[in-house]
Amino acid sequence: MNEKVASWRSVLRLWIDRLNSVAALICHGLLVIITTITVAQVFLRFALNSPTSWSEEVALLCLIWFGLLAVAIGIRRHEHVAITFFRDLLPGPLATALDVLAQLAMGYFMFTVMLHAGDLIKLVGVQVLPASSLPKSLLYLPTIVGGTLGTLNAAANLLLGDIAPEPLDSTETSNAN
């Protein structure tokens, strides 16, 4: 039985980490797009006095996608802002319980975001963004994608026992200074 559980956990860890790697690659690509569009827009506006009308909308759209994917990836990697002062004062079992509660709260929040995203998409219907003529629903679609990934990451952290990040040891903190 333990071999089956270990096998199941390793498969889950492999797939969730692959999914997050793909999301991270998408985030890297989005940053390149945002930077390229912004630099091009600044050059066109100030050097050639011929700005584009669509660049701000497309950069904003990419930024929204980037933000929601990055939040979801951060759940898996435990890279969110956390106040660990109180948790570190607690004895081991209580600290672990607090970490489980934090994962449950993040998972619930991301599930709620995902759940209500469809309402936003229905609300905008077939509207388009004025400058780029892209569907306005593209602004709200990342809430479904990011919410789903965030929910999956919180669930995976709980199922795999990846609850709290490893504390820095004294050699790492002294090397950072």
Protein backbone atom coordinates (compact mmCIF):
# COMPACT_ATOMS: atom_id res chain seq x y z
CA MET A 1 0.00 0.00 0.00
CA ASN A 2 2.80 2.45 0.85
CA GLU A 3 4.39 1.90 -2.56
CA LYS A 4 1.12 2.82 -4.25
CA VAL A 5 0.83 6.00 -2.20
CA ALA A 6 4.47 6.90 -2.91
CA SER A 7 3.95 6.24 -6.62
CA TRP A 8 0.75 8.28 -6.70
CA ARG A 9 2.48 11.15 -4.89
CA SER A 10 5.46 11.11 -7.24
CA VAL A 11 3.17 11.19 -10.28
CA LEU A 12 1.15 14.07 -8.77
CA ARG A 13 4.35 15.97 -7.91
CA LEU A 14 5.70 15.42 -11.43
CA TRP A 15 2.54 16.66 -13.17
CA ILE A 16 1.92 19.64 -10.90
CA ASP A 17 5.54 20.73 -11.22
CA ARG A 18 5.41 20.34 -15.02
CA LEU A 19 2.22 22.39 -15.13
CA ASN A 20 3.87 25.10 -13.06
CA SER A 21 6.96 25.01 -15.28
CA VAL A 22 4.77 25.64 -18.33
CA ALA A 23 3.02 28.48 -16.49
CA ALA A 24 6.41 29.94 -15.53
CA LEU A 25 7.54 29.81 -19.16
CA ILE A 26 4.37 31.62 -20.17
CA CYS A 27 5.11 34.25 -17.50
CA HIS A 28 8.62 34.73 -18.88
CA GLY A 29 7.20 35.15 -22.37
CA LEU A 30 4.63 37.63 -21.12
CA LEU A 31 7.35 39.72 -19.47
CA VAL A 32 9.26 39.80 -22.75
CA ILE A 33 6.11 40.90 -24.58
CA ILE A 34 5.29 43.58 -21.99
CA THR A 35 8.84 44.95 -22.08
CA THR A 36 9.04 44.91 -25.87
CA ILE A 37 5.69 46.65 -26.30
CA THR A 38 6.53 49.27 -23.68
CA VAL A 39 9.98 50.04 -25.09
CA ALA A 40 8.58 50.19 -28.63
CA GLN A 41 5.77 52.50 -27.52
CA VAL A 42 8.17 54.86 -25.74
CA PHE A 43 10.45 54.93 -28.79
CA LEU A 44 7.56 55.51 -31.18
CA ARG A 45 6.05 58.24 -29.01
CA PHE A 46 9.16 60.23 -28.15
CA ALA A 47 11.59 59.49 -30.99
CA LEU A 48 9.22 59.31 -33.95
CA ASN A 49 6.23 61.19 -32.51
CA SER A 50 3.99 58.39 -33.80
CA PRO A 51 2.54 56.40 -30.86
CA THR A 52 0.38 53.32 -31.31
CA SER A 53 -3.15 53.19 -29.98
CA TRP A 54 -3.18 49.52 -29.02
CA SER A 55 0.05 49.06 -27.07
CA GLU A 56 -1.27 50.05 -23.64
CA GLU A 57 -4.21 47.65 -23.86
CA VAL A 58 -2.08 44.73 -24.99
CA ALA A 59 0.55 45.39 -22.31
CA LEU A 60 -2.21 45.59 -19.68
CA LEU A 61 -3.73 42.34 -20.92
CA CYS A 62 -0.34 40.61 -20.70
CA LEU A 63 0.21 42.08 -17.23
CA ILE A 64 -3.10 40.70 -15.97
CA TRP A 65 -2.26 37.24 -17.33
CA PHE A 66 1.22 37.46 -15.82
CA GLY A 67 -0.07 38.55 -12.42
CA LEU A 68 -2.66 35.82 -12.02
CA LEU A 69 -0.35 33.06 -13.25
CA ALA A 70 2.44 34.30 -10.98
CA VAL A 71 0.13 34.31 -7.94
CA ALA A 72 -0.82 30.71 -8.67
CA ILE A 73 2.81 29.64 -9.14
CA GLY A 74 3.71 31.42 -5.91
CA ILE A 75 1.27 29.21 -4.00
CA ARG A 76 3.12 26.08 -5.11
CA ARG A 77 6.54 27.57 -4.40
CA HIS A 78 5.56 29.19 -1.09
CA GLU A 79 6.77 32.55 -2.39
CA HIS A 80 3.98 34.72 -1.08
CA VAL A 81 4.47 37.34 1.54
CA ALA A 82 4.12 35.66 4.89
CA ILE A 83 4.53 36.84 8.42
CA THR A 84 6.32 33.91 9.95
CA PHE A 85 7.22 35.61 13.22
CA PHE A 86 4.22 34.18 15.09
CA ARG A 87 4.36 30.83 13.32
CA ASP A 88 8.00 30.43 14.28
CA LEU A 89 7.07 31.02 17.95
CA LEU A 90 4.58 28.15 17.87
CA PRO A 91 5.49 24.55 18.65
CA GLY A 92 5.86 22.25 15.61
CA PRO A 93 2.32 20.81 15.42
CA LEU A 94 0.65 24.21 15.83
CA ALA A 95 2.98 25.78 13.26
CA THR A 96 2.11 23.00 10.82
CA ALA A 97 -1.60 23.48 11.52
CA LEU A 98 -1.23 27.19 10.79
CA ASP A 99 0.53 26.39 7.52
CA VAL A 100 -2.26 23.97 6.56
CA LEU A 101 -4.80 26.68 7.37
CA ALA A 102 -2.90 29.12 5.13
CA GLN A 103 -2.92 26.63 2.23
CA LEU A 104 -6.64 26.02 2.73
CA ALA A 105 -7.32 29.77 2.75
CA MET A 106 -5.30 30.35 -0.43
CA GLY A 107 -6.96 27.39 -2.13
CA TYR A 108 -10.41 28.63 -1.13
CA PHE A 109 -9.65 32.14 -2.36
CA MET A 110 -8.34 30.92 -5.72
CA PHE A 111 -11.32 28.57 -6.08
CA THR A 112 -13.66 31.50 -5.42
CA VAL A 113 -11.83 33.62 -8.02
CA MET A 114 -12.12 30.77 -10.53
CA LEU A 115 -15.76 30.14 -9.71
CA HIS A 116 -16.90 33.74 -10.25
CA ALA A 117 -14.77 34.42 -13.31
CA GLY A 118 -17.40 32.91 -15.57
CA ASP A 119 -19.88 35.53 -14.36
CA LEU A 120 -17.48 38.31 -15.39
CA ILE A 121 -16.95 36.76 -18.80
CA LYS A 122 -20.71 36.43 -19.33
CA LEU A 123 -21.14 40.04 -18.23
CA VAL A 124 -18.81 41.42 -20.91
CA GLY A 125 -20.26 39.13 -23.54
CA VAL A 126 -18.91 39.94 -26.99
CA GLN A 127 -17.56 43.40 -26.13
CA VAL A 128 -14.18 44.31 -27.54
CA LEU A 129 -11.38 46.49 -26.24
CA PRO A 130 -11.59 49.84 -28.05
CA ALA A 131 -8.00 50.28 -29.27
CA SER A 132 -6.92 46.71 -30.01
CA SER A 133 -10.31 45.22 -30.92
CA LEU A 134 -9.43 42.14 -28.83
CA PRO A 135 -12.30 40.44 -26.99
CA LYS A 136 -12.81 42.02 -23.58
CA SER A 137 -13.25 38.55 -22.11
CA LEU A 138 -9.47 38.10 -22.45
CA LEU A 139 -9.18 40.42 -19.44
CA TYR A 140 -11.17 37.97 -17.29
CA LEU A 141 -10.08 34.62 -18.70
CA PRO A 142 -6.88 34.66 -16.62
CA THR A 143 -9.01 34.55 -13.48
CA ILE A 144 -10.23 31.13 -14.57
CA VAL A 145 -6.77 29.91 -15.57
CA GLY A 146 -4.94 31.40 -12.58
CA GLY A 147 -7.71 30.43 -10.17
CA THR A 148 -7.64 26.85 -11.40
CA LEU A 149 -3.86 26.61 -11.18
CA GLY A 150 -3.83 28.23 -7.74
CA THR A 151 -6.50 25.84 -6.46
CA LEU A 152 -4.60 22.87 -7.88
CA ASN A 153 -1.35 24.10 -6.33
CA ALA A 154 -2.86 24.56 -2.87
CA ALA A 155 -4.47 21.10 -3.09
CA ALA A 156 -1.20 19.56 -4.29
CA ASN A 157 0.72 21.21 -1.45
CA LEU A 158 -1.73 19.70 1.03
CA LEU A 159 -1.83 16.25 -0.59
CA LEU A 160 1.93 16.06 -0.99
CA GLY A 161 2.67 17.42 2.46
CA ASP A 162 4.51 20.43 1.00
CA ILE A 163 3.13 22.72 3.64
CA ALA A 164 5.77 25.13 4.89
CA PRO A 165 8.90 26.38 3.20
CA GLU A 166 12.16 25.22 4.68
CA PRO A 167 13.56 27.79 7.12
CA LEU A 168 16.83 29.42 6.21
CA ASP A 169 19.73 28.09 8.23
CA SER A 170 22.32 30.35 9.79
CA THR A 171 24.85 29.85 6.96
CA GLU A 172 22.37 30.99 4.31
CA THR A 173 21.39 34.10 6.25
CA SER A 174 25.01 35.02 6.97
CA ASN A 175 25.92 34.57 3.29
CA ALA A 176 23.03 36.81 2.25
CA ASN A 177 24.37 39.69 4.36
